[in-house]
Amino acid sequence: MNYKILFQTFLFLCFVLIIYLTLYFYRNDPLNQNISQNELPEASEIIKNTTPKVSNDGKENILHNISYKNYDKEGNAYTINAFESVIANDNPNIVNMKKVNAEIIFKNYEPIIITSDKAVFDKINFETEFAGNIQLNYLDHQINSQKLNLLFNKNLLKISEQVIYKNSTSNLEADAIVVDLITKDSKIFSNSNSKKIKILSKN
């Protein structure tokens, strides 16, 4: 037998084996198995920079530096990032997050930035409940509170609990603020009819 042909055949078989092993280990990588793309909206993606850790009781996965991104039909985008995320195996569509940073980007508008200590995030509809030391920034507007609900499909922000609004000229204290993300119109609420909303002008 021609040794040259035998050597070429050997190289070809090695090449096929390398491709097979690469695909096999990629399919069985925990990073690729942990969160199925079928669990997410069609126009979404996950960026992971971590190896998942399984809790001692095996009931949840803990991930670090995880990001979710979604686009609506108009091309508006919502991205949420967390330093730590916990996903329970019995309810994988709900993510409990810590040290959270989110960004809402609408066409022809500046982005809305939200930070918080914690958040509960739904991977199906991208609704998010932020909690603890919340800060929202949009242009020169800043809102601080302890609770914020983002209803992405309805384009609404509901801000409550120790709400303080600031801009370049004034401060405002209220019980709740509801923001329409499309029109940027805001409604300010007080839980008590006798309690006035405070507006403090800056010097």
Protein backbone atom coordinates (compact mmCIF):
# COMPACT_ATOMS: atom_id res chain seq x y z
CA MET A 1 0.00 0.00 0.00
CA ASN A 2 1.15 3.50 -0.76
CA TYR A 3 2.40 4.97 2.54
CA LYS A 4 1.50 8.48 1.39
CA ILE A 5 -2.17 7.50 0.95
CA LEU A 6 -2.13 5.66 4.29
CA PHE A 7 -0.72 8.73 6.03
CA GLN A 8 -3.31 11.03 4.45
CA THR A 9 -6.09 8.66 5.49
CA PHE A 10 -4.76 8.68 9.06
CA LEU A 11 -4.71 12.49 9.13
CA PHE A 12 -8.27 12.65 7.81
CA LEU A 13 -9.53 10.24 10.49
CA CYS A 14 -7.79 12.29 13.19
CA PHE A 15 -9.45 15.45 11.87
CA VAL A 16 -12.90 13.80 11.94
CA LEU A 17 -12.28 12.55 15.49
CA ILE A 18 -11.30 16.03 16.72
CA ILE A 19 -14.47 17.56 15.24
CA TYR A 20 -16.63 14.84 16.83
CA LEU A 21 -15.05 15.28 20.28
CA THR A 22 -15.39 19.08 20.07
CA LEU A 23 -19.10 18.89 19.25
CA TYR A 24 -19.69 16.22 21.90
CA PHE A 25 -18.15 18.21 24.75
CA TYR A 26 -19.81 21.44 23.59
CA ARG A 27 -23.26 19.83 23.71
CA ASN A 28 -22.57 18.47 27.19
CA ASP A 29 -21.09 21.67 28.60
CA PRO A 30 -23.15 22.73 31.71
CA LEU A 31 -23.07 26.33 30.47
CA ASN A 32 -25.01 25.29 27.39
CA GLN A 33 -27.41 23.04 29.29
CA ASN A 34 -28.16 25.28 32.25
CA ILE A 35 -30.60 27.63 30.47
CA SER A 36 -32.41 26.50 27.38
CA GLN A 37 -33.00 29.03 24.65
CA ASN A 38 -36.51 27.58 24.31
CA GLU A 39 -37.33 29.11 27.69
CA LEU A 40 -36.75 32.64 26.40
CA PRO A 41 -38.64 35.00 24.10
CA GLU A 42 -37.69 34.66 20.43
CA ALA A 43 -35.89 38.02 20.36
CA SER A 44 -33.68 37.49 23.39
CA GLU A 45 -30.23 36.29 24.21
CA ILE A 46 -28.12 35.35 27.20
CA ILE A 47 -24.51 36.28 27.72
CA LYS A 48 -22.81 34.27 30.45
CA ASN A 49 -19.31 34.75 31.80
CA THR A 50 -19.42 32.18 34.53
CA THR A 51 -19.52 28.50 35.39
CA PRO A 52 -22.79 27.64 37.18
CA LYS A 53 -22.56 26.37 40.74
CA VAL A 54 -25.13 23.96 42.14
CA SER A 55 -26.31 24.58 45.70
CA ASN A 56 -25.65 22.02 48.42
CA ASP A 57 -29.21 20.68 48.25
CA GLY A 58 -29.13 20.53 44.43
CA LYS A 59 -32.31 22.62 44.13
CA GLU A 60 -30.84 25.70 42.48
CA ASN A 61 -28.05 26.98 40.24
CA ILE A 62 -25.96 30.01 41.13
CA LEU A 63 -24.40 32.04 38.33
CA HIS A 64 -22.21 35.14 38.30
CA ASN A 65 -22.01 37.99 35.80
CA ILE A 66 -25.06 37.00 33.79
CA SER A 67 -26.88 39.23 31.30
CA TYR A 68 -30.27 38.99 29.56
CA LYS A 69 -31.29 41.09 26.57
CA ASN A 70 -34.60 41.49 24.79
CA TYR A 71 -35.94 43.50 21.82
CA ASP A 72 -39.56 44.40 21.14
CA LYS A 73 -41.15 44.69 17.69
CA GLU A 74 -40.16 48.35 17.42
CA GLY A 75 -36.51 47.56 18.07
CA ASN A 76 -36.43 48.94 21.61
CA ALA A 77 -34.06 47.04 23.86
CA TYR A 78 -33.94 46.00 27.50
CA THR A 79 -30.79 44.62 29.08
CA ILE A 80 -30.41 43.45 32.67
CA ASN A 81 -27.14 42.38 34.30
CA ALA A 82 -26.47 40.88 37.72
CA PHE A 83 -23.36 40.05 39.69
CA GLU A 84 -25.10 36.97 41.11
CA SER A 85 -28.20 35.13 39.90
CA VAL A 86 -29.99 32.20 41.51
CA ILE A 87 -32.24 29.97 39.39
CA ALA A 88 -34.38 27.35 41.14
CA ASN A 89 -34.62 24.05 39.29
CA ASP A 90 -38.35 23.80 40.02
CA ASN A 91 -39.02 27.28 38.54
CA PRO A 92 -36.27 28.03 36.00
CA ASN A 93 -38.06 31.01 34.43
CA ILE A 94 -37.65 33.15 37.57
CA VAL A 95 -34.21 34.56 38.35
CA ASN A 96 -33.35 36.07 41.75
CA MET A 97 -30.60 38.62 41.21
CA LYS A 98 -28.14 40.59 43.37
CA LYS A 99 -26.20 43.77 42.49
CA VAL A 100 -28.33 44.60 39.49
CA ASN A 101 -27.82 47.02 36.61
CA ALA A 102 -30.44 47.44 33.86
CA GLU A 103 -30.71 49.59 30.75
CA ILE A 104 -33.78 50.48 28.69
CA ILE A 105 -32.96 51.82 25.23
CA PHE A 106 -35.68 53.35 23.08
CA LYS A 107 -35.17 54.66 19.57
CA ASN A 108 -34.47 58.40 19.42
CA TYR A 109 -34.26 58.66 23.23
CA GLU A 110 -31.46 58.58 25.75
CA PRO A 111 -31.27 55.30 27.73
CA ILE A 112 -32.88 54.81 31.12
CA ILE A 113 -30.43 53.30 33.63
CA ILE A 114 -31.63 51.40 36.74
CA THR A 115 -29.47 50.03 39.55
CA SER A 116 -30.59 48.14 42.67
CA ASP A 117 -29.46 45.74 45.37
CA LYS A 118 -31.80 42.96 44.23
CA ALA A 119 -34.30 42.05 41.53
CA VAL A 120 -36.70 39.25 40.62
CA PHE A 121 -36.63 38.74 36.85
CA ASP A 122 -39.05 36.75 34.68
CA LYS A 123 -37.32 35.29 31.63
CA ILE A 124 -40.61 34.76 29.76
CA ASN A 125 -42.07 38.28 29.75
CA PHE A 126 -39.01 40.20 31.04
CA GLU A 127 -41.05 41.75 33.86
CA THR A 128 -38.70 42.77 36.66
CA GLU A 129 -39.25 43.75 40.28
CA PHE A 130 -36.30 45.74 41.60
CA ALA A 131 -35.79 46.17 45.35
CA GLY A 132 -33.39 47.95 47.69
CA ASN A 133 -31.48 51.18 47.08
CA ILE A 134 -32.95 51.73 43.63
CA GLN A 135 -31.65 54.54 41.48
CA LEU A 136 -33.11 55.44 38.08
CA ASN A 137 -31.34 57.92 35.82
CA TYR A 138 -32.64 59.51 32.62
CA LEU A 139 -30.92 62.62 31.27
CA ASP A 140 -30.79 64.98 34.30
CA HIS A 141 -33.67 63.18 36.04
CA GLN A 142 -32.96 60.90 38.99
CA ILE A 143 -35.42 58.82 41.02
CA ASN A 144 -34.53 56.93 44.18
CA SER A 145 -36.84 54.40 45.82
CA GLN A 146 -36.99 51.00 47.50
CA LYS A 147 -39.26 49.27 44.96
CA LEU A 148 -39.63 49.49 41.19
CA ASN A 149 -41.67 47.29 38.85
CA LEU A 150 -40.79 47.23 35.16
CA LEU A 151 -43.62 45.96 32.95
CA PHE A 152 -41.67 45.72 29.70
CA ASN A 153 -44.54 44.46 27.55
CA LYS A 154 -46.77 47.33 28.75
CA ASN A 155 -43.98 49.94 28.59
CA LEU A 156 -44.61 51.00 32.19
CA LEU A 157 -42.48 51.73 35.23
CA LYS A 158 -44.16 51.67 38.65
CA ILE A 159 -41.97 53.23 41.35
CA SER A 160 -42.91 53.10 45.04
CA GLU A 161 -41.67 53.16 48.66
CA GLN A 162 -39.63 56.19 49.77
CA VAL A 163 -39.74 57.82 46.35
CA ILE A 164 -37.51 60.84 45.81
CA TYR A 165 -37.32 62.58 42.45
CA LYS A 166 -34.53 65.01 41.58
CA ASN A 167 -33.61 67.11 38.61
CA SER A 168 -31.42 70.15 38.03
CA THR A 169 -33.95 72.53 39.61
CA SER A 170 -36.07 70.69 42.17
CA ASN A 171 -36.69 67.70 44.45
CA LEU A 172 -39.97 65.85 44.89
CA GLU A 173 -41.11 63.32 47.47
CA ALA A 174 -44.12 61.05 46.85
CA ASP A 175 -45.55 57.62 47.58
CA ALA A 176 -45.49 56.39 43.98
CA ILE A 177 -44.67 57.42 40.42
CA VAL A 178 -45.90 55.68 37.26
CA VAL A 179 -43.93 56.38 34.07
CA ASP A 180 -45.07 55.63 30.52
CA LEU A 181 -41.86 54.59 28.76
CA ILE A 182 -43.19 55.54 25.32
CA THR A 183 -44.54 59.04 25.99
CA LYS A 184 -42.34 59.67 29.08
CA ASP A 185 -45.47 61.01 30.84
CA SER A 186 -45.46 60.54 34.61
CA LYS A 187 -48.23 60.28 37.20
CA ILE A 188 -47.44 61.06 40.83
CA PHE A 189 -49.47 59.52 43.66
CA SER A 190 -49.95 60.00 47.38
CA ASN A 191 -51.47 57.17 49.43
CA SER A 192 -53.20 59.62 51.77
CA ASN A 193 -55.47 62.41 50.56
CA SER A 194 -54.30 64.54 53.46
CA LYS A 195 -50.66 63.99 52.68
CA LYS A 196 -49.30 66.50 50.22
CA ILE A 197 -46.64 65.67 47.69
CA LYS A 198 -43.48 67.60 48.55
CA ILE A 199 -41.71 69.65 45.90
CA LEU A 200 -38.49 71.25 47.11
CA SER A 201 -36.72 73.78 44.92
CA LYS A 202 -32.97 73.83 44.92
CA ASN A 203 -31.12 77.05 45.60
